[in-house]
Amino acid sequence: MFAYFVESLVGLDVVGVEYPGHIATAVHFNEDVPGDFISWKGLKYIIADPTFINAPVGLTMPKYANTKADIVEVNNACE
């Protein structure tokens, strides 16, 4: 739902970030945003995990900070 709203209302590209037992998201912003990120298809995606309560954009849950993540494309996933 979060990815859908970001893409639909804000117009930014979002990917899913799959850790063992957890899914987060990462957003490709139009400007430089500091924080934890992943690179996907030559673009920088900042971690934006709506389930990490009170965490700012760019902060990975400590439990997953050193865990390899898989990318899940979510474009138009909610249509």
N, C-alpha and C. Protein backbone atom coordinates (compact mmCIF):
# COMPACT_ATOMS: atom_id res chain seq x y z
N MET A 1 0.81 -1.18 0.00
CA MET A 1 0.00 0.00 0.00
C MET A 1 0.87 1.27 0.00
N PHE A 2 1.93 1.23 0.82
CA PHE A 2 2.84 2.37 0.89
C PHE A 2 3.44 2.67 -0.48
N ALA A 3 3.92 1.63 -1.15
CA ALA A 3 4.53 1.81 -2.48
C ALA A 3 3.52 2.39 -3.46
N TYR A 4 2.32 1.91 -3.41
CA TYR A 4 1.25 2.40 -4.30
C TYR A 4 1.02 3.90 -4.08
N PHE A 5 0.92 4.30 -2.81
CA PHE A 5 0.67 5.71 -2.52
C PHE A 5 1.84 6.58 -2.95
N VAL A 6 3.05 6.16 -2.70
CA VAL A 6 4.22 6.95 -3.10
C VAL A 6 4.25 7.11 -4.61
N GLU A 7 4.04 6.01 -5.34
CA GLU A 7 4.07 6.10 -6.80
C GLU A 7 2.88 6.89 -7.34
N SER A 8 1.68 6.65 -6.82
CA SER A 8 0.48 7.30 -7.33
C SER A 8 0.36 8.77 -6.95
N LEU A 9 0.64 9.09 -5.70
CA LEU A 9 0.41 10.44 -5.21
C LEU A 9 1.63 11.35 -5.33
N VAL A 10 2.81 10.78 -5.19
CA VAL A 10 4.03 11.59 -5.21
C VAL A 10 4.78 11.45 -6.53
N GLY A 11 4.55 10.34 -7.23
CA GLY A 11 5.16 10.14 -8.54
C GLY A 11 6.61 9.67 -8.50
N LEU A 12 7.02 9.07 -7.38
CA LEU A 12 8.38 8.56 -7.28
C LEU A 12 8.40 7.05 -7.46
N ASP A 13 9.49 6.54 -8.02
CA ASP A 13 9.63 5.10 -8.25
C ASP A 13 9.98 4.41 -6.93
N VAL A 14 9.36 3.26 -6.69
CA VAL A 14 9.57 2.49 -5.46
C VAL A 14 9.89 1.05 -5.82
N VAL A 15 10.80 0.44 -5.06
CA VAL A 15 11.07 -0.99 -5.18
C VAL A 15 10.89 -1.63 -3.81
N GLY A 16 10.57 -2.91 -3.80
CA GLY A 16 10.52 -3.65 -2.56
C GLY A 16 11.91 -4.15 -2.23
N VAL A 17 12.22 -4.20 -0.94
CA VAL A 17 13.51 -4.69 -0.46
C VAL A 17 13.19 -5.89 0.43
N GLU A 18 13.54 -7.08 -0.05
CA GLU A 18 13.17 -8.31 0.65
C GLU A 18 14.34 -8.86 1.45
N TYR A 19 14.16 -8.87 2.76
CA TYR A 19 15.10 -9.49 3.68
C TYR A 19 14.49 -10.81 4.13
N PRO A 20 15.27 -11.71 4.70
CA PRO A 20 14.68 -12.94 5.23
C PRO A 20 13.63 -12.62 6.31
N GLY A 21 12.38 -12.88 6.01
CA GLY A 21 11.31 -12.65 6.97
C GLY A 21 10.78 -11.24 7.05
N HIS A 22 11.20 -10.34 6.15
CA HIS A 22 10.75 -8.95 6.21
C HIS A 22 10.81 -8.31 4.82
N ILE A 23 9.84 -7.45 4.55
CA ILE A 23 9.83 -6.67 3.31
C ILE A 23 9.81 -5.19 3.69
N ALA A 24 10.68 -4.42 3.09
CA ALA A 24 10.71 -2.97 3.25
C ALA A 24 10.57 -2.36 1.86
N THR A 25 10.70 -1.07 1.75
CA THR A 25 10.69 -0.41 0.45
C THR A 25 11.88 0.54 0.36
N ALA A 26 12.17 0.94 -0.86
CA ALA A 26 13.19 1.96 -1.12
C ALA A 26 12.66 2.86 -2.22
N VAL A 27 12.93 4.14 -2.10
CA VAL A 27 12.36 5.15 -3.00
C VAL A 27 13.48 5.86 -3.76
N HIS A 28 13.27 6.04 -5.06
CA HIS A 28 14.20 6.83 -5.88
C HIS A 28 13.71 8.27 -5.85
N PHE A 29 14.43 9.13 -5.12
CA PHE A 29 14.06 10.54 -5.00
C PHE A 29 14.65 11.35 -6.15
N ASN A 30 14.06 12.51 -6.42
CA ASN A 30 14.52 13.40 -7.48
C ASN A 30 15.67 14.28 -7.03
N GLU A 31 16.02 14.21 -5.75
CA GLU A 31 17.14 14.99 -5.22
C GLU A 31 17.96 14.08 -4.32
N ASP A 32 19.13 14.55 -3.92
CA ASP A 32 20.00 13.73 -3.07
C ASP A 32 19.43 13.70 -1.65
N VAL A 33 19.16 12.51 -1.17
CA VAL A 33 18.66 12.30 0.19
C VAL A 33 19.67 11.41 0.90
N PRO A 34 20.14 11.83 2.07
CA PRO A 34 21.13 11.02 2.78
C PRO A 34 20.50 9.78 3.42
N GLY A 35 21.32 8.79 3.66
CA GLY A 35 20.86 7.61 4.38
C GLY A 35 21.24 6.32 3.68
N ASP A 36 20.74 5.21 4.26
CA ASP A 36 20.99 3.89 3.69
C ASP A 36 20.29 3.79 2.34
N PHE A 37 20.96 3.15 1.40
CA PHE A 37 20.38 3.05 0.06
C PHE A 37 20.80 1.75 -0.60
N ILE A 38 20.10 1.46 -1.67
CA ILE A 38 20.47 0.36 -2.56
C ILE A 38 20.56 0.93 -3.96
N SER A 39 21.35 0.30 -4.79
CA SER A 39 21.43 0.68 -6.20
C SER A 39 20.67 -0.34 -7.01
N TRP A 40 19.85 0.13 -7.92
CA TRP A 40 19.05 -0.75 -8.75
C TRP A 40 18.93 -0.12 -10.13
N LYS A 41 19.37 -0.86 -11.13
CA LYS A 41 19.32 -0.40 -12.52
C LYS A 41 19.96 0.98 -12.68
N GLY A 42 21.08 1.15 -12.00
CA GLY A 42 21.85 2.39 -12.12
C GLY A 42 21.29 3.57 -11.34
N LEU A 43 20.26 3.36 -10.53
CA LEU A 43 19.67 4.44 -9.75
C LEU A 43 19.82 4.18 -8.26
N LYS A 44 19.82 5.25 -7.50
CA LYS A 44 19.95 5.17 -6.04
C LYS A 44 18.56 5.20 -5.41
N TYR A 45 18.25 4.18 -4.63
CA TYR A 45 16.97 4.08 -3.92
C TYR A 45 17.24 4.15 -2.42
N ILE A 46 16.63 5.12 -1.76
CA ILE A 46 16.80 5.31 -0.32
C ILE A 46 15.81 4.41 0.43
N ILE A 47 16.31 3.71 1.43
CA ILE A 47 15.45 2.84 2.24
C ILE A 47 14.35 3.68 2.88
N ALA A 48 13.13 3.24 2.74
CA ALA A 48 11.96 3.90 3.34
C ALA A 48 11.04 2.79 3.83
N ASP A 49 11.22 2.41 5.08
CA ASP A 49 10.49 1.27 5.65
C ASP A 49 9.33 1.77 6.50
N PRO A 50 8.11 1.69 5.99
CA PRO A 50 6.96 2.20 6.75
C PRO A 50 6.64 1.38 8.00
N THR A 51 7.25 0.22 8.16
CA THR A 51 7.00 -0.59 9.36
C THR A 51 8.01 -0.31 10.47
N PHE A 52 9.04 0.49 10.18
CA PHE A 52 10.05 0.83 11.18
C PHE A 52 9.56 2.11 11.87
N ILE A 53 8.82 1.93 12.95
CA ILE A 53 8.12 3.01 13.64
C ILE A 53 9.09 4.13 14.06
N ASN A 54 8.71 5.36 13.69
CA ASN A 54 9.45 6.59 14.01
C ASN A 54 10.84 6.68 13.37
N ALA A 55 11.15 5.81 12.44
CA ALA A 55 12.45 5.88 11.77
C ALA A 55 12.37 6.89 10.62
N PRO A 56 13.42 7.67 10.43
CA PRO A 56 13.43 8.58 9.29
C PRO A 56 13.71 7.82 7.99
N VAL A 57 13.43 8.45 6.89
CA VAL A 57 13.80 7.88 5.59
C VAL A 57 15.31 7.71 5.58
N GLY A 58 15.76 6.57 5.08
CA GLY A 58 17.19 6.33 4.97
C GLY A 58 17.76 5.51 6.12
N LEU A 59 16.89 4.98 6.98
CA LEU A 59 17.37 4.18 8.09
C LEU A 59 16.85 2.75 7.95
N THR A 60 17.77 1.79 7.89
CA THR A 60 17.43 0.38 7.83
C THR A 60 17.28 -0.15 9.25
N MET A 61 16.33 -1.04 9.46
CA MET A 61 16.20 -1.69 10.77
C MET A 61 17.54 -2.34 11.12
N PRO A 62 18.03 -2.12 12.34
CA PRO A 62 19.33 -2.68 12.72
C PRO A 62 19.43 -4.19 12.49
N LYS A 63 18.34 -4.90 12.69
CA LYS A 63 18.33 -6.35 12.51
C LYS A 63 18.71 -6.75 11.08
N TYR A 64 18.43 -5.87 10.10
CA TYR A 64 18.66 -6.20 8.69
C TYR A 64 19.79 -5.38 8.05
N ALA A 65 20.44 -4.54 8.83
CA ALA A 65 21.43 -3.62 8.28
C ALA A 65 22.58 -4.32 7.54
N ASN A 66 22.97 -5.48 8.00
CA ASN A 66 24.08 -6.20 7.35
C ASN A 66 23.63 -7.46 6.65
N THR A 67 22.36 -7.49 6.26
CA THR A 67 21.77 -8.65 5.60
C THR A 67 21.63 -8.38 4.11
N LYS A 68 21.95 -9.36 3.29
CA LYS A 68 21.75 -9.22 1.85
C LYS A 68 20.25 -9.18 1.55
N ALA A 69 19.87 -8.23 0.75
CA ALA A 69 18.46 -8.07 0.39
C ALA A 69 18.25 -8.33 -1.09
N ASP A 70 17.08 -8.83 -1.43
CA ASP A 70 16.69 -8.98 -2.83
C ASP A 70 15.76 -7.83 -3.19
N ILE A 71 15.81 -7.41 -4.44
CA ILE A 71 14.95 -6.33 -4.92
C ILE A 71 13.71 -6.92 -5.57
N VAL A 72 12.57 -6.33 -5.26
CA VAL A 72 11.29 -6.73 -5.84
C VAL A 72 10.70 -5.52 -6.53
N GLU A 73 10.54 -5.58 -7.83
CA GLU A 73 9.93 -4.46 -8.54
C GLU A 73 8.45 -4.41 -8.20
N VAL A 74 7.96 -3.22 -7.86
CA VAL A 74 6.56 -3.06 -7.45
C VAL A 74 5.78 -2.13 -8.36
N ASN A 75 6.35 -1.74 -9.48
CA ASN A 75 5.66 -0.82 -10.39
C ASN A 75 4.29 -1.36 -10.76
N ASN A 76 3.30 -0.55 -10.52
CA ASN A 76 1.91 -0.87 -10.85
C ASN A 76 1.42 -2.14 -10.17
N ALA A 77 2.00 -2.51 -9.05
CA ALA A 77 1.62 -3.75 -8.36
C ALA A 77 0.21 -3.72 -7.82
N CYS A 78 -0.31 -2.53 -7.58
CA CYS A 78 -1.64 -2.44 -6.95
C CYS A 78 -2.74 -2.10 -7.95
N GLU A 79 -2.44 -2.11 -9.23
CA GLU A 79 -3.48 -1.79 -10.21
C GLU A 79 -4.35 -2.98 -10.50
